[in-house]
Amino acid sequence: MSEIDDQIPSAFDPFADANAEDSGAGTKEYVHVRIQQRNGRKSLTTVQGLKKEFSYNRILKDLKKEFCCNGTVVQDPELGQVIQLQGDQRKNVSTFLTQAGIVKKEHIKIHGF
């Protein structure tokens, strides 16, 4: 009997790693980077979902200086504060946020065509 007990694998918990990393499983907050088409070739890039502890105006100032575009911070009743930038800056914004250490790459969702 003891040989059989040695050969039977112990119970495997596939969610043990996930629970060790994140205490709140399923509550992963994403940063959404979207593009909105305006008129003609004009477009608008929006960034939402950043943590409230960050200064949106300082992030916006660095983004504007880095990508040579204009932008603003808009207060939305449902979404909170949203950063808007002129032009299609989706890839630029995602690389900037990861290099600055604001958001991890796996927490960024890029939307749009």
N, C-alpha and C. Protein backbone atom coordinates (compact mmCIF):
# COMPACT_ATOMS: atom_id res chain seq x y z
N MET A 1 0.80 -1.20 0.00
CA MET A 1 0.00 0.00 0.00
C MET A 1 0.84 1.26 0.00
N SER A 2 1.95 1.26 0.66
CA SER A 2 2.76 2.47 0.74
C SER A 2 3.36 2.84 -0.61
N GLU A 3 3.63 1.85 -1.47
CA GLU A 3 4.15 2.15 -2.80
C GLU A 3 3.12 2.90 -3.64
N ILE A 4 1.87 2.51 -3.51
CA ILE A 4 0.81 3.18 -4.26
C ILE A 4 0.65 4.61 -3.77
N ASP A 5 0.71 4.83 -2.47
CA ASP A 5 0.59 6.17 -1.94
C ASP A 5 1.72 7.08 -2.42
N ASP A 6 2.91 6.51 -2.58
CA ASP A 6 4.04 7.30 -3.06
C ASP A 6 3.89 7.69 -4.53
N GLN A 7 3.21 6.85 -5.32
CA GLN A 7 3.06 7.11 -6.75
C GLN A 7 1.91 8.06 -7.06
N ILE A 8 0.94 8.17 -6.17
CA ILE A 8 -0.19 9.06 -6.42
C ILE A 8 0.25 10.50 -6.19
N PRO A 9 0.10 11.34 -7.21
CA PRO A 9 0.53 12.74 -7.01
C PRO A 9 -0.40 13.45 -6.04
N SER A 10 0.16 14.40 -5.36
CA SER A 10 -0.65 15.19 -4.43
C SER A 10 -1.58 16.11 -5.21
N ALA A 11 -2.53 16.68 -4.52
CA ALA A 11 -3.50 17.56 -5.17
C ALA A 11 -2.78 18.78 -5.73
N PHE A 12 -3.09 19.11 -6.97
CA PHE A 12 -2.47 20.24 -7.64
C PHE A 12 -3.47 21.39 -7.70
N ASP A 13 -3.04 22.54 -7.22
CA ASP A 13 -3.89 23.73 -7.25
C ASP A 13 -3.40 24.63 -8.38
N PRO A 14 -4.13 24.70 -9.52
CA PRO A 14 -3.66 25.52 -10.64
C PRO A 14 -3.73 27.01 -10.37
N PHE A 15 -4.50 27.43 -9.36
CA PHE A 15 -4.64 28.86 -9.08
C PHE A 15 -3.74 29.32 -7.94
N ALA A 16 -2.84 28.46 -7.47
CA ALA A 16 -1.97 28.84 -6.37
C ALA A 16 -1.05 29.99 -6.76
N ASP A 17 -0.51 29.95 -7.99
CA ASP A 17 0.38 31.03 -8.45
C ASP A 17 -0.37 32.34 -8.59
N ALA A 18 -1.57 32.29 -9.11
CA ALA A 18 -2.35 33.51 -9.29
C ALA A 18 -2.72 34.13 -7.96
N ASN A 19 -3.06 33.30 -6.98
CA ASN A 19 -3.41 33.83 -5.67
C ASN A 19 -2.20 34.40 -4.95
N ALA A 20 -1.04 33.85 -5.22
CA ALA A 20 0.17 34.37 -4.58
C ALA A 20 0.54 35.75 -5.13
N GLU A 21 0.34 35.96 -6.44
CA GLU A 21 0.70 37.24 -7.04
C GLU A 21 -0.31 38.33 -6.72
N ASP A 22 -1.58 38.05 -6.96
CA ASP A 22 -2.64 39.03 -6.76
C ASP A 22 -3.58 38.54 -5.68
N SER A 23 -3.73 39.31 -4.62
CA SER A 23 -4.66 38.90 -3.58
C SER A 23 -6.09 39.05 -4.05
N GLY A 24 -6.38 40.02 -4.92
CA GLY A 24 -7.73 40.20 -5.44
C GLY A 24 -7.81 39.67 -6.85
N ALA A 25 -8.00 38.38 -7.00
CA ALA A 25 -8.06 37.78 -8.32
C ALA A 25 -9.30 38.27 -9.05
N GLY A 26 -9.11 38.66 -10.30
CA GLY A 26 -10.23 39.14 -11.09
C GLY A 26 -10.46 40.64 -10.96
N THR A 27 -9.71 41.32 -10.12
CA THR A 27 -9.89 42.76 -9.96
C THR A 27 -8.76 43.53 -10.64
N LYS A 28 -8.20 42.94 -11.68
CA LYS A 28 -7.07 43.55 -12.38
C LYS A 28 -7.53 44.81 -13.09
N GLU A 29 -6.92 45.91 -12.80
CA GLU A 29 -7.26 47.19 -13.42
C GLU A 29 -6.40 47.38 -14.66
N TYR A 30 -7.04 47.67 -15.77
CA TYR A 30 -6.34 47.90 -17.02
C TYR A 30 -6.32 49.39 -17.33
N VAL A 31 -5.29 49.79 -18.08
CA VAL A 31 -5.22 51.13 -18.63
C VAL A 31 -5.63 50.99 -20.09
N HIS A 32 -6.68 51.70 -20.49
CA HIS A 32 -7.21 51.59 -21.84
C HIS A 32 -6.71 52.75 -22.68
N VAL A 33 -6.09 52.43 -23.81
CA VAL A 33 -5.60 53.43 -24.76
C VAL A 33 -6.45 53.27 -26.02
N ARG A 34 -7.23 54.29 -26.34
CA ARG A 34 -8.17 54.21 -27.45
C ARG A 34 -7.91 55.32 -28.46
N ILE A 35 -8.42 55.11 -29.67
CA ILE A 35 -8.37 56.15 -30.69
C ILE A 35 -9.80 56.47 -31.09
N GLN A 36 -10.06 57.76 -31.26
CA GLN A 36 -11.38 58.21 -31.72
C GLN A 36 -11.17 58.99 -33.01
N GLN A 37 -11.96 58.64 -34.01
CA GLN A 37 -11.86 59.34 -35.28
C GLN A 37 -12.64 60.65 -35.22
N ARG A 38 -12.00 61.72 -35.61
CA ARG A 38 -12.69 63.01 -35.71
C ARG A 38 -13.13 63.20 -37.14
N ASN A 39 -12.93 64.36 -37.70
CA ASN A 39 -13.35 64.60 -39.08
C ASN A 39 -12.16 64.43 -40.02
N GLY A 40 -12.38 63.73 -41.11
CA GLY A 40 -11.32 63.53 -42.10
C GLY A 40 -10.22 62.64 -41.57
N ARG A 41 -8.99 63.12 -41.65
CA ARG A 41 -7.84 62.35 -41.19
C ARG A 41 -7.52 62.61 -39.71
N LYS A 42 -8.24 63.49 -39.09
CA LYS A 42 -7.96 63.87 -37.70
C LYS A 42 -8.40 62.77 -36.74
N SER A 43 -7.61 62.55 -35.72
CA SER A 43 -7.96 61.54 -34.71
C SER A 43 -7.53 62.02 -33.33
N LEU A 44 -8.03 61.31 -32.34
CA LEU A 44 -7.82 61.68 -30.94
C LEU A 44 -7.48 60.40 -30.17
N THR A 45 -6.44 60.44 -29.37
CA THR A 45 -6.05 59.30 -28.55
C THR A 45 -6.45 59.57 -27.11
N THR A 46 -7.14 58.62 -26.48
CA THR A 46 -7.56 58.78 -25.09
C THR A 46 -6.90 57.71 -24.22
N VAL A 47 -6.52 58.11 -23.02
CA VAL A 47 -5.91 57.20 -22.05
C VAL A 47 -6.75 57.27 -20.79
N GLN A 48 -7.27 56.13 -20.37
CA GLN A 48 -8.09 56.10 -19.16
C GLN A 48 -7.72 54.89 -18.32
N GLY A 49 -8.00 55.00 -17.04
CA GLY A 49 -7.75 53.88 -16.14
C GLY A 49 -6.47 53.98 -15.35
N LEU A 50 -5.77 55.10 -15.43
CA LEU A 50 -4.57 55.27 -14.62
C LEU A 50 -4.98 55.40 -13.15
N LYS A 51 -4.09 55.02 -12.27
CA LYS A 51 -4.39 55.11 -10.84
C LYS A 51 -4.56 56.57 -10.42
N LYS A 52 -5.37 56.78 -9.43
CA LYS A 52 -5.68 58.14 -8.98
C LYS A 52 -4.49 58.81 -8.30
N GLU A 53 -3.53 58.01 -7.84
CA GLU A 53 -2.39 58.58 -7.12
C GLU A 53 -1.43 59.32 -8.04
N PHE A 54 -1.52 59.07 -9.36
CA PHE A 54 -0.65 59.76 -10.30
C PHE A 54 -1.18 61.15 -10.62
N SER A 55 -0.27 62.06 -10.90
CA SER A 55 -0.64 63.40 -11.32
C SER A 55 -0.87 63.39 -12.83
N TYR A 56 -2.12 63.49 -13.21
CA TYR A 56 -2.47 63.42 -14.63
C TYR A 56 -1.85 64.58 -15.41
N ASN A 57 -1.81 65.75 -14.79
CA ASN A 57 -1.25 66.91 -15.49
C ASN A 57 0.23 66.77 -15.76
N ARG A 58 0.97 66.16 -14.84
CA ARG A 58 2.41 65.97 -15.07
C ARG A 58 2.66 64.91 -16.14
N ILE A 59 1.84 63.84 -16.13
CA ILE A 59 1.97 62.82 -17.17
C ILE A 59 1.64 63.44 -18.53
N LEU A 60 0.59 64.25 -18.58
CA LEU A 60 0.20 64.91 -19.82
C LEU A 60 1.30 65.83 -20.32
N LYS A 61 1.92 66.56 -19.41
CA LYS A 61 2.99 67.49 -19.80
C LYS A 61 4.15 66.72 -20.43
N ASP A 62 4.52 65.58 -19.83
CA ASP A 62 5.61 64.78 -20.39
C ASP A 62 5.22 64.16 -21.74
N LEU A 63 3.97 63.70 -21.86
CA LEU A 63 3.52 63.12 -23.12
C LEU A 63 3.53 64.16 -24.24
N LYS A 64 3.05 65.36 -23.93
CA LYS A 64 3.01 66.42 -24.94
C LYS A 64 4.42 66.80 -25.39
N LYS A 65 5.33 66.87 -24.45
CA LYS A 65 6.70 67.25 -24.78
C LYS A 65 7.40 66.14 -25.57
N GLU A 66 7.14 64.89 -25.20
CA GLU A 66 7.79 63.75 -25.84
C GLU A 66 7.32 63.55 -27.28
N PHE A 67 6.01 63.68 -27.52
CA PHE A 67 5.45 63.35 -28.83
C PHE A 67 5.09 64.57 -29.67
N CYS A 68 5.39 65.75 -29.21
CA CYS A 68 5.14 66.99 -29.96
C CYS A 68 3.68 67.08 -30.42
N CYS A 69 2.78 66.92 -29.47
CA CYS A 69 1.35 67.03 -29.80
C CYS A 69 0.66 67.77 -28.66
N ASN A 70 -0.55 68.22 -28.92
CA ASN A 70 -1.30 68.91 -27.89
C ASN A 70 -2.20 67.91 -27.18
N GLY A 71 -2.67 68.26 -25.99
CA GLY A 71 -3.54 67.37 -25.25
C GLY A 71 -4.16 68.07 -24.07
N THR A 72 -5.07 67.35 -23.41
CA THR A 72 -5.77 67.90 -22.26
C THR A 72 -6.23 66.76 -21.36
N VAL A 73 -6.58 67.11 -20.12
CA VAL A 73 -7.16 66.17 -19.17
C VAL A 73 -8.63 66.53 -19.04
N VAL A 74 -9.52 65.57 -19.31
CA VAL A 74 -10.96 65.78 -19.29
C VAL A 74 -11.55 65.00 -18.13
N GLN A 75 -12.45 65.64 -17.39
CA GLN A 75 -13.14 64.97 -16.28
C GLN A 75 -14.45 64.37 -16.81
N ASP A 76 -14.55 63.05 -16.79
CA ASP A 76 -15.75 62.35 -17.26
C ASP A 76 -16.51 61.84 -16.05
N PRO A 77 -17.85 61.96 -16.02
CA PRO A 77 -18.60 61.51 -14.84
C PRO A 77 -18.53 60.01 -14.61
N GLU A 78 -18.45 59.20 -15.67
CA GLU A 78 -18.39 57.75 -15.51
C GLU A 78 -16.97 57.24 -15.39
N LEU A 79 -16.07 57.75 -16.23
CA LEU A 79 -14.72 57.20 -16.34
C LEU A 79 -13.70 57.91 -15.47
N GLY A 80 -14.03 59.02 -14.87
CA GLY A 80 -13.06 59.78 -14.08
C GLY A 80 -12.24 60.67 -15.00
N GLN A 81 -10.97 60.81 -14.69
CA GLN A 81 -10.11 61.66 -15.50
C GLN A 81 -9.59 60.87 -16.70
N VAL A 82 -9.63 61.51 -17.86
CA VAL A 82 -9.19 60.90 -19.11
C VAL A 82 -8.21 61.84 -19.78
N ILE A 83 -7.08 61.32 -20.23
CA ILE A 83 -6.09 62.11 -20.96
C ILE A 83 -6.42 62.01 -22.44
N GLN A 84 -6.51 63.15 -23.12
CA GLN A 84 -6.75 63.19 -24.55
C GLN A 84 -5.53 63.80 -25.24
N LEU A 85 -5.07 63.15 -26.30
CA LEU A 85 -3.95 63.63 -27.10
C LEU A 85 -4.36 63.72 -28.55
N GLN A 86 -3.78 64.69 -29.27
CA GLN A 86 -4.07 64.83 -30.69
C GLN A 86 -3.28 63.80 -31.48
N GLY A 87 -3.94 63.20 -32.46
CA GLY A 87 -3.27 62.27 -33.35
C GLY A 87 -3.33 60.84 -32.84
N ASP A 88 -2.80 59.92 -33.63
CA ASP A 88 -2.76 58.50 -33.28
C ASP A 88 -1.48 58.24 -32.49
N GLN A 89 -1.56 58.26 -31.18
CA GLN A 89 -0.40 58.11 -30.31
C GLN A 89 -0.48 56.81 -29.49
N ARG A 90 -1.24 55.82 -29.95
CA ARG A 90 -1.47 54.61 -29.15
C ARG A 90 -0.19 53.88 -28.82
N LYS A 91 0.62 53.59 -29.81
CA LYS A 91 1.87 52.85 -29.57
C LYS A 91 2.84 53.68 -28.74
N ASN A 92 2.91 54.97 -29.04
CA ASN A 92 3.82 55.85 -28.30
C ASN A 92 3.44 55.92 -26.82
N VAL A 93 2.14 56.05 -26.54
CA VAL A 93 1.69 56.16 -25.16
C VAL A 93 1.96 54.87 -24.40
N SER A 94 1.72 53.72 -25.03
CA SER A 94 1.92 52.45 -24.34
C SER A 94 3.40 52.23 -24.02
N THR A 95 4.30 52.56 -24.94
CA THR A 95 5.73 52.41 -24.65
C THR A 95 6.18 53.42 -23.60
N PHE A 96 5.63 54.64 -23.65
CA PHE A 96 6.00 55.65 -22.66
C PHE A 96 5.59 55.22 -21.25
N LEU A 97 4.36 54.71 -21.11
CA LEU A 97 3.87 54.31 -19.79
C LEU A 97 4.66 53.13 -19.21
N THR A 98 5.10 52.22 -20.07
CA THR A 98 5.88 51.08 -19.57
C THR A 98 7.30 51.50 -19.24
N GLN A 99 7.92 52.35 -20.07
CA GLN A 99 9.29 52.78 -19.81
C GLN A 99 9.39 53.69 -18.59
N ALA A 100 8.33 54.48 -18.34
CA ALA A 100 8.33 55.37 -17.18
C ALA A 100 8.02 54.60 -15.89
N GLY A 101 7.57 53.36 -16.02
CA GLY A 101 7.27 52.56 -14.84
C GLY A 101 5.92 52.86 -14.23
N ILE A 102 5.04 53.50 -15.00
CA ILE A 102 3.71 53.85 -14.49
C ILE A 102 2.80 52.63 -14.51
N VAL A 103 2.88 51.85 -15.60
CA VAL A 103 2.01 50.68 -15.78
C VAL A 103 2.85 49.56 -16.38
N LYS A 104 2.56 48.32 -15.98
CA LYS A 104 3.20 47.17 -16.61
C LYS A 104 2.58 46.93 -17.97
N LYS A 105 3.36 46.32 -18.85
CA LYS A 105 2.89 46.13 -20.22
C LYS A 105 1.65 45.25 -20.30
N GLU A 106 1.53 44.26 -19.42
CA GLU A 106 0.38 43.36 -19.48
C GLU A 106 -0.90 44.00 -18.95
N HIS A 107 -0.81 45.20 -18.36
CA HIS A 107 -1.98 45.90 -17.86
C HIS A 107 -2.49 46.98 -18.81
N ILE A 108 -1.92 47.04 -20.04
CA ILE A 108 -2.34 48.03 -21.01
C ILE A 108 -3.14 47.35 -22.11
N LYS A 109 -4.32 47.89 -22.40
CA LYS A 109 -5.17 47.41 -23.49
C LYS A 109 -5.22 48.51 -24.55
N ILE A 110 -4.83 48.16 -25.77
CA ILE A 110 -4.86 49.12 -26.88
C ILE A 110 -6.07 48.78 -27.74
N HIS A 111 -6.95 49.76 -27.92
CA HIS A 111 -8.18 49.58 -28.69
C HIS A 111 -8.07 50.40 -29.98
N GLY A 112 -8.89 50.06 -30.96
CA GLY A 112 -8.95 50.84 -32.18
C GLY A 112 -8.72 50.00 -33.40
N PHE A 113 -8.83 50.66 -34.53
CA PHE A 113 -8.70 49.94 -35.79
C PHE A 113 -7.25 49.66 -35.98
